[in-house]
């Protein structure tokens, strides 16, 4: 059993007219053209974006170079590169 849903889309007038003209030229309905377009887009695989690794600071053993609880040492380390 085929179940269809009625819905409202807000499309630009020029896009609708072009789609209707294409559907007429191909001897099909506007709905079938829109369905095919949606199926085509949804069938495409979503490209995965590579996430850049976060910068790492400190030594490889995981020891802190600056104790984050020592506010003066932390500010001194942050200010070591100069004003930004």
C-alpha atoms as a PDB file:
ATOM      1  CA  UNK A   1       0.000   0.000   0.000  1.00  0.00           C
ATOM      2  CA  UNK A   2       1.382   3.360  -1.051  1.00  0.00           C
ATOM      3  CA  UNK A   3       0.891   6.159   1.439  1.00  0.00           C
ATOM      4  CA  UNK A   4       1.415   9.729   0.272  1.00  0.00           C
ATOM      5  CA  UNK A   5       1.754  12.836   2.375  1.00  0.00           C
ATOM      6  CA  UNK A   6       0.528  16.224   1.308  1.00  0.00           C
ATOM      7  CA  UNK A   7       2.897  19.032   2.209  1.00  0.00           C
ATOM      8  CA  UNK A   8       3.563  22.664   1.425  1.00  0.00           C
ATOM      9  CA  UNK A   9       6.894  23.872   0.099  1.00  0.00           C
ATOM     10  CA  UNK A  10       8.006  27.472  -0.281  1.00  0.00           C
ATOM     11  CA  UNK A  11       9.844  27.602  -3.604  1.00  0.00           C
ATOM     12  CA  UNK A  12      10.767  30.554  -5.752  1.00  0.00           C
ATOM     13  CA  UNK A  13       8.408  31.237  -8.654  1.00  0.00           C
ATOM     14  CA  UNK A  14      11.196  30.883 -11.211  1.00  0.00           C
ATOM     15  CA  UNK A  15      12.226  27.484  -9.834  1.00  0.00           C
ATOM     16  CA  UNK A  16       8.652  26.173  -9.925  1.00  0.00           C
ATOM     17  CA  UNK A  17       8.082  27.426 -13.461  1.00  0.00           C
ATOM     18  CA  UNK A  18      11.338  25.840 -14.656  1.00  0.00           C
ATOM     19  CA  UNK A  19      10.465  22.547 -12.952  1.00  0.00           C
ATOM     20  CA  UNK A  20       6.952  22.539 -14.408  1.00  0.00           C
ATOM     21  CA  UNK A  21       8.322  23.274 -17.872  1.00  0.00           C
ATOM     22  CA  UNK A  22      10.806  20.398 -17.541  1.00  0.00           C
ATOM     23  CA  UNK A  23       8.057  18.059 -16.343  1.00  0.00           C
ATOM     24  CA  UNK A  24       5.829  19.034 -19.309  1.00  0.00           C
ATOM     25  CA  UNK A  25       8.712  18.539 -21.742  1.00  0.00           C
ATOM     26  CA  UNK A  26       9.338  15.058 -20.328  1.00  0.00           C
ATOM     27  CA  UNK A  27       5.628  14.180 -20.236  1.00  0.00           C
ATOM     28  CA  UNK A  28       5.498  13.696 -16.503  1.00  0.00           C
ATOM     29  CA  UNK A  29       4.037  15.372 -13.450  1.00  0.00           C
ATOM     30  CA  UNK A  30       5.589  18.122 -11.407  1.00  0.00           C
ATOM     31  CA  UNK A  31       5.332  15.851  -8.345  1.00  0.00           C
ATOM     32  CA  UNK A  32       7.286  13.037 -10.018  1.00  0.00           C
ATOM     33  CA  UNK A  33      10.038  15.479 -10.994  1.00  0.00           C
ATOM     34  CA  UNK A  34      10.298  16.830  -7.424  1.00  0.00           C
ATOM     35  CA  UNK A  35      10.294  13.271  -6.012  1.00  0.00           C
ATOM     36  CA  UNK A  36      13.105  12.244  -8.352  1.00  0.00           C
ATOM     37  CA  UNK A  37      15.134  15.296  -7.359  1.00  0.00           C
ATOM     38  CA  UNK A  38      14.698  14.565  -3.652  1.00  0.00           C
ATOM     39  CA  UNK A  39      15.564  10.888  -4.141  1.00  0.00           C
ATOM     40  CA  UNK A  40      18.705  11.869  -6.073  1.00  0.00           C
ATOM     41  CA  UNK A  41      19.887  14.240  -3.361  1.00  0.00           C
ATOM     42  CA  UNK A  42      19.077  11.815  -0.538  1.00  0.00           C
ATOM     43  CA  UNK A  43      20.893   8.959  -2.299  1.00  0.00           C
ATOM     44  CA  UNK A  44      24.154  10.912  -2.286  1.00  0.00           C
ATOM     45  CA  UNK A  45      26.548  10.069   0.478  1.00  0.00           C
ATOM     46  CA  UNK A  46      27.184  12.880   2.910  1.00  0.00           C
ATOM     47  CA  UNK A  47      30.848  13.848   2.621  1.00  0.00           C
ATOM     48  CA  UNK A  48      32.725  13.443   5.864  1.00  0.00           C
ATOM     49  CA  UNK A  49      34.899  16.339   6.837  1.00  0.00           C
ATOM     50  CA  UNK A  50      38.279  15.672   8.285  1.00  0.00           C
ATOM     51  CA  UNK A  51      38.612  17.338  11.626  1.00  0.00           C
ATOM     52  CA  UNK A  52      41.973  18.935  12.209  1.00  0.00           C
ATOM     53  CA  UNK A  53      43.690  17.520  15.263  1.00  0.00           C
ATOM     54  CA  UNK A  54      43.817  19.776  18.280  1.00  0.00           C
ATOM     55  CA  UNK A  55      47.239  21.154  19.114  1.00  0.00           C
ATOM     56  CA  UNK A  56      49.005  19.390  21.945  1.00  0.00           C
ATOM     57  CA  UNK A  57      51.263  21.065  24.436  1.00  0.00           C
ATOM     58  CA  UNK A  58      53.463  19.589  27.100  1.00  0.00           C
ATOM     59  CA  UNK A  59      55.528  16.463  27.077  1.00  0.00           C
ATOM     60  CA  UNK A  60      54.521  13.039  25.763  1.00  0.00           C
ATOM     61  CA  UNK A  61      54.081  11.657  29.281  1.00  0.00           C
ATOM     62  CA  UNK A  62      51.166  14.014  29.847  1.00  0.00           C
ATOM     63  CA  UNK A  63      52.908  16.108  32.477  1.00  0.00           C
ATOM     64  CA  UNK A  64      51.916  19.758  32.575  1.00  0.00           C
ATOM     65  CA  UNK A  65      54.579  22.296  31.697  1.00  0.00           C
ATOM     66  CA  UNK A  66      52.631  24.804  33.786  1.00  0.00           C
ATOM     67  CA  UNK A  67      50.437  23.932  36.740  1.00  0.00           C
ATOM     68  CA  UNK A  68      46.960  25.212  35.766  1.00  0.00           C
ATOM     69  CA  UNK A  69      46.164  25.824  39.425  1.00  0.00           C
ATOM     70  CA  UNK A  70      49.091  28.265  39.724  1.00  0.00           C
ATOM     71  CA  UNK A  71      47.442  31.381  38.325  1.00  0.00           C
ATOM     72  CA  UNK A  72      50.626  33.478  38.213  1.00  0.00           C
ATOM     73  CA  UNK A  73      52.556  30.747  36.380  1.00  0.00           C
ATOM     74  CA  UNK A  74      49.661  30.233  33.988  1.00  0.00           C
ATOM     75  CA  UNK A  75      49.401  33.929  33.132  1.00  0.00           C
ATOM     76  CA  UNK A  76      53.182  34.134  32.729  1.00  0.00           C
ATOM     77  CA  UNK A  77      53.079  31.233  30.264  1.00  0.00           C
ATOM     78  CA  UNK A  78      50.173  32.770  28.361  1.00  0.00           C
ATOM     79  CA  UNK A  79      51.908  36.158  28.188  1.00  0.00           C
ATOM     80  CA  UNK A  80      55.269  34.648  27.186  1.00  0.00           C
ATOM     81  CA  UNK A  81      54.484  35.062  23.473  1.00  0.00           C
ATOM     82  CA  UNK A  82      53.617  38.722  23.957  1.00  0.00           C
ATOM     83  CA  UNK A  83      50.366  40.574  23.459  1.00  0.00           C
ATOM     84  CA  UNK A  84      48.001  39.334  20.763  1.00  0.00           C
END
